[in-house]
């Protein structure tokens, strides 16, 4: 049976939306005066119901890892869409997006497209992917749904190199797939900062039902990694030719 984002998962983590709403600061009136809280809640921001913390790396550079916060909502039963920030703070920078789909939908993609998507099995089973603030029951239900899903992630702001603005072209991100790929100290720092126990999460998830990673995912492991090079900007036309 192919995994889907079921109603039970939505119920299990729906309370997160209330938590997020309660923690969302009032926007400065001089900036966002036309949009009231009710208007925002009725829009796409109000649909966010899941918060995930994890790690990505730049496709083609396994050692360039970034810790990220995902805030996600369902587009439909097979598609989850997430906005990605560099922290949980009020002034966090919006640095990217991720689209998450079920295995059944991933298997319908063309071979070339699949190369842009990464699996989530290792992230879930290793404890790298976490759901801050949810109950153990909701966390287990959420990870059961995520373990056989696939993500396509673009970063727009390279905060890890100190950029003060989102400079250059978008970068494709990938997810770790095995022990030893991510510097262990990155996990130690995350666990310390956010009061997580990755080893405990790994042990608790050992019994989750998993499936083999679908062929075509994690393309960086099967050939040259795809990445968008900023040098391509030099090849773009500088203006309209007359």
Protein backbone atom coordinates (compact mmCIF):
# COMPACT_ATOMS: atom_id res chain seq x y z
CA UNK A 1 0.00 0.00 0.00
CA UNK A 2 1.53 3.29 -1.05
CA UNK A 3 1.89 5.84 1.77
CA UNK A 4 -0.26 8.95 1.64
CA UNK A 5 -0.65 11.97 3.83
CA UNK A 6 -3.79 10.72 5.55
CA UNK A 7 -6.39 12.53 7.57
CA UNK A 8 -5.05 10.95 10.72
CA UNK A 9 -1.73 12.72 10.22
CA UNK A 10 -3.50 16.03 9.80
CA UNK A 11 -5.39 15.47 13.03
CA UNK A 12 -2.24 14.33 14.82
CA UNK A 13 -0.37 17.56 14.09
CA UNK A 14 -3.20 20.04 13.58
CA UNK A 15 -2.67 21.53 17.00
CA UNK A 16 0.70 22.79 15.75
CA UNK A 17 -1.19 25.35 13.69
CA UNK A 18 -2.73 26.73 16.86
CA UNK A 19 0.69 26.87 18.50
CA UNK A 20 2.16 28.71 15.54
CA UNK A 21 -0.72 31.15 15.48
CA UNK A 22 -0.33 31.86 19.17
CA UNK A 23 3.39 32.47 18.78
CA UNK A 24 3.13 34.63 15.66
CA UNK A 25 3.95 38.23 16.58
CA UNK A 26 1.58 41.02 15.56
CA UNK A 27 2.89 42.55 12.32
CA UNK A 28 4.03 46.17 12.48
CA UNK A 29 0.91 48.21 11.63
CA UNK A 30 2.84 50.55 9.37
CA UNK A 31 3.94 47.58 7.26
CA UNK A 32 0.98 45.20 7.23
CA UNK A 33 -1.98 47.33 8.26
CA UNK A 34 -4.38 45.98 5.56
CA UNK A 35 -3.99 42.34 6.66
CA UNK A 36 -5.62 41.42 9.95
CA UNK A 37 -5.12 38.19 11.89
CA UNK A 38 -8.35 36.70 10.56
CA UNK A 39 -7.37 37.50 6.99
CA UNK A 40 -3.96 35.85 7.43
CA UNK A 41 -5.50 32.79 9.07
CA UNK A 42 -7.87 32.39 6.14
CA UNK A 43 -5.02 32.46 3.62
CA UNK A 44 -2.17 30.02 2.86
CA UNK A 45 -0.27 30.90 6.03
CA UNK A 46 -3.22 29.70 8.07
CA UNK A 47 -2.99 26.31 6.39
CA UNK A 48 0.46 25.59 7.86
CA UNK A 49 0.10 22.72 10.31
CA UNK A 50 3.50 21.06 10.61
CA UNK A 51 6.93 22.25 11.74
CA UNK A 52 9.97 20.13 10.89
CA UNK A 53 13.63 20.63 11.72
CA UNK A 54 16.35 18.94 9.70
CA UNK A 55 19.44 19.29 7.55
CA UNK A 56 20.03 19.82 3.85
CA UNK A 57 23.23 19.99 1.83
CA UNK A 58 23.97 21.67 -1.46
CA UNK A 59 23.76 19.19 -4.30
CA UNK A 60 27.34 18.53 -5.39
CA UNK A 61 28.86 19.54 -2.05
CA UNK A 62 28.16 16.94 0.62
CA UNK A 63 30.13 18.89 3.23
CA UNK A 64 28.12 22.09 2.92
CA UNK A 65 25.25 21.36 5.30
CA UNK A 66 22.57 23.76 6.52
CA UNK A 67 20.21 23.31 9.47
CA UNK A 68 16.72 24.39 8.46
CA UNK A 69 13.20 24.87 9.78
CA UNK A 70 10.28 23.77 7.58
CA UNK A 71 6.73 25.11 8.00
CA UNK A 72 4.41 22.95 5.91
CA UNK A 73 0.86 22.67 4.65
CA UNK A 74 -0.96 20.16 2.49
CA UNK A 75 -1.82 21.08 -1.08
CA UNK A 76 -3.64 17.76 -1.48
CA UNK A 77 -3.35 14.17 -0.25
CA UNK A 78 -0.13 13.59 -2.21
CA UNK A 79 1.62 16.97 -2.01
CA UNK A 80 2.98 18.90 0.95
CA UNK A 81 4.52 22.35 0.42
CA UNK A 82 6.92 23.95 2.87
CA UNK A 83 8.51 27.34 3.39
CA UNK A 84 12.01 27.08 4.86
CA UNK A 85 13.58 29.45 7.39
CA UNK A 86 17.07 29.55 8.87
CA UNK A 87 15.79 29.54 12.47
CA UNK A 88 12.71 29.56 14.67
CA UNK A 89 13.23 33.19 15.68
CA UNK A 90 10.79 36.01 14.90
CA UNK A 91 13.33 37.60 12.57
CA UNK A 92 14.21 34.32 10.80
CA UNK A 93 15.10 34.62 7.14
CA UNK A 94 12.97 32.87 4.53
CA UNK A 95 15.66 30.97 2.63
CA UNK A 96 13.91 28.37 0.49
CA UNK A 97 11.05 26.05 -0.36
CA UNK A 98 10.50 22.31 -0.38
CA UNK A 99 7.83 20.24 -2.09
CA UNK A 100 7.17 16.81 -0.58
CA UNK A 101 5.28 14.09 -2.43
CA UNK A 102 4.21 10.51 -1.84
CA UNK A 103 6.07 7.56 -3.30
CA UNK A 104 3.16 6.82 -5.62
CA UNK A 105 3.37 10.29 -7.15
CA UNK A 106 7.18 10.22 -7.29
CA UNK A 107 7.04 7.01 -9.32
CA UNK A 108 5.06 8.80 -12.03
CA UNK A 109 7.78 11.40 -12.65
CA UNK A 110 10.05 11.29 -15.73
CA UNK A 111 13.53 9.88 -15.11
CA UNK A 112 15.24 13.27 -15.58
CA UNK A 113 12.90 14.93 -13.09
CA UNK A 114 13.49 12.24 -10.45
CA UNK A 115 17.16 13.27 -10.27
CA UNK A 116 16.11 16.52 -8.59
CA UNK A 117 14.30 14.77 -5.72
CA UNK A 118 15.69 13.24 -2.54
CA UNK A 119 14.42 10.47 -0.29
CA UNK A 120 13.49 10.98 3.36
CA UNK A 121 13.95 7.44 4.66
CA UNK A 122 17.38 7.96 6.24
CA UNK A 123 16.44 11.37 7.64
CA UNK A 124 13.50 9.84 9.46
CA UNK A 125 15.10 6.60 10.62
CA UNK A 126 18.31 8.27 11.82
CA UNK A 127 16.54 10.93 13.89
CA UNK A 128 17.90 13.78 11.77
CA UNK A 129 14.37 14.91 10.87
CA UNK A 130 12.45 16.12 13.89
CA UNK A 131 9.08 17.69 14.70
CA UNK A 132 9.61 20.26 17.46
CA UNK A 133 6.95 20.56 20.11
CA UNK A 134 4.63 17.71 19.14
CA UNK A 135 3.54 14.82 21.33
CA UNK A 136 5.21 11.43 20.97
CA UNK A 137 2.05 10.03 19.37
CA UNK A 138 1.77 12.85 16.83
CA UNK A 139 5.50 12.66 16.10
CA UNK A 140 5.31 8.93 15.40
CA UNK A 141 2.29 9.38 13.13
CA UNK A 142 3.98 12.20 11.24
CA UNK A 143 7.23 10.28 10.73
CA UNK A 144 5.32 7.17 9.63
CA UNK A 145 3.84 9.30 6.85
CA UNK A 146 7.16 10.94 5.95
CA UNK A 147 9.49 7.94 5.87
CA UNK A 148 8.60 6.94 2.30
CA UNK A 149 8.16 10.41 0.82
CA UNK A 150 10.37 12.43 -1.53
CA UNK A 151 11.35 16.09 -1.50
CA UNK A 152 12.50 18.69 -4.00
CA UNK A 153 14.22 21.61 -2.29
CA UNK A 154 15.54 24.93 -3.56
CA UNK A 155 17.50 27.34 -1.44
CA UNK A 156 17.31 31.01 -2.42
CA UNK A 157 19.47 32.57 0.30
CA UNK A 158 22.92 31.17 1.05
CA UNK A 159 23.04 32.20 4.70
CA UNK A 160 25.73 29.63 5.42
CA UNK A 161 28.29 31.71 3.51
CA UNK A 162 27.24 34.92 5.22
CA UNK A 163 25.18 36.49 2.44
CA UNK A 164 23.20 39.50 3.68
CA UNK A 165 20.69 39.15 0.85
CA UNK A 166 19.44 36.27 -1.33
CA UNK A 167 22.18 36.56 -3.95
CA UNK A 168 22.82 34.54 -7.09
CA UNK A 169 20.76 31.76 -8.61
CA UNK A 170 18.66 29.19 -6.71
CA UNK A 171 20.53 26.12 -5.48
CA UNK A 172 19.27 22.56 -5.43
CA UNK A 173 19.49 20.92 -2.02
CA UNK A 174 19.66 17.25 -1.12
CA UNK A 175 19.17 15.15 2.03
CA UNK A 176 21.65 12.87 3.75
CA UNK A 177 21.26 9.15 3.10
CA UNK A 178 23.78 7.38 5.37
CA UNK A 179 25.77 7.64 8.59
CA UNK A 180 29.03 9.56 8.35
CA UNK A 181 27.87 12.01 5.69
CA UNK A 182 26.89 14.79 8.10
CA UNK A 183 29.43 16.14 10.57
CA UNK A 184 28.31 14.67 13.89
CA UNK A 185 29.01 17.96 15.67
CA UNK A 186 26.24 19.58 13.63
CA UNK A 187 23.78 17.10 15.12
CA UNK A 188 25.21 17.58 18.62
CA UNK A 189 24.75 21.35 18.35
CA UNK A 190 21.20 20.98 17.05
CA UNK A 191 20.27 18.57 19.81
CA UNK A 192 21.74 20.87 22.43
CA UNK A 193 20.09 24.01 21.06
CA UNK A 194 16.62 22.51 20.57
CA UNK A 195 16.66 19.95 23.40
CA UNK A 196 16.49 16.93 21.10
CA UNK A 197 17.87 13.44 21.54
CA UNK A 198 18.63 12.19 18.02
CA UNK A 199 19.86 8.83 19.30
CA UNK A 200 16.64 8.38 21.26
CA UNK A 201 14.55 9.32 18.22
CA UNK A 202 16.48 6.81 16.12
CA UNK A 203 15.79 4.05 18.63
CA UNK A 204 12.10 4.97 18.90
CA UNK A 205 11.68 4.88 15.12
CA UNK A 206 13.45 1.56 14.60
CA UNK A 207 10.12 -0.23 14.29
CA UNK A 208 8.65 2.04 11.61
CA UNK A 209 7.68 0.24 8.43
CA UNK A 210 10.00 1.33 5.62
CA UNK A 211 10.24 0.70 1.91
CA UNK A 212 13.31 0.60 -0.35
CA UNK A 213 14.18 4.01 -1.77
CA UNK A 214 12.48 4.31 -5.15
CA UNK A 215 14.79 4.11 -8.19
CA UNK A 216 15.82 7.50 -9.51
CA UNK A 217 15.82 9.43 -6.23
CA UNK A 218 19.00 10.87 -4.68
CA UNK A 219 20.50 11.40 -8.13
CA UNK A 220 23.77 12.72 -6.70
CA UNK A 221 24.61 9.15 -5.64
CA UNK A 222 24.14 7.75 -9.14
CA UNK A 223 26.15 10.14 -11.27
CA UNK A 224 27.29 13.76 -11.50
CA UNK A 225 25.28 15.90 -9.09
CA UNK A 226 23.11 18.54 -10.69
CA UNK A 227 23.54 22.11 -9.52
CA UNK A 228 22.81 25.59 -10.88
CA UNK A 229 26.08 27.49 -11.24
CA UNK A 230 26.07 31.25 -10.72
CA UNK A 231 28.42 31.42 -13.70
CA UNK A 232 25.34 30.83 -15.84
CA UNK A 233 24.40 34.44 -15.12
CA UNK A 234 27.26 35.51 -17.38
CA UNK A 235 25.70 33.55 -20.22
CA UNK A 236 22.31 35.23 -19.89
CA UNK A 237 21.47 38.03 -22.31
CA UNK A 238 22.13 41.43 -20.75
CA UNK A 239 19.23 43.11 -22.54
CA UNK A 240 16.94 43.08 -25.53
CA UNK A 241 18.84 43.11 -28.80
CA UNK A 242 17.60 45.58 -31.39
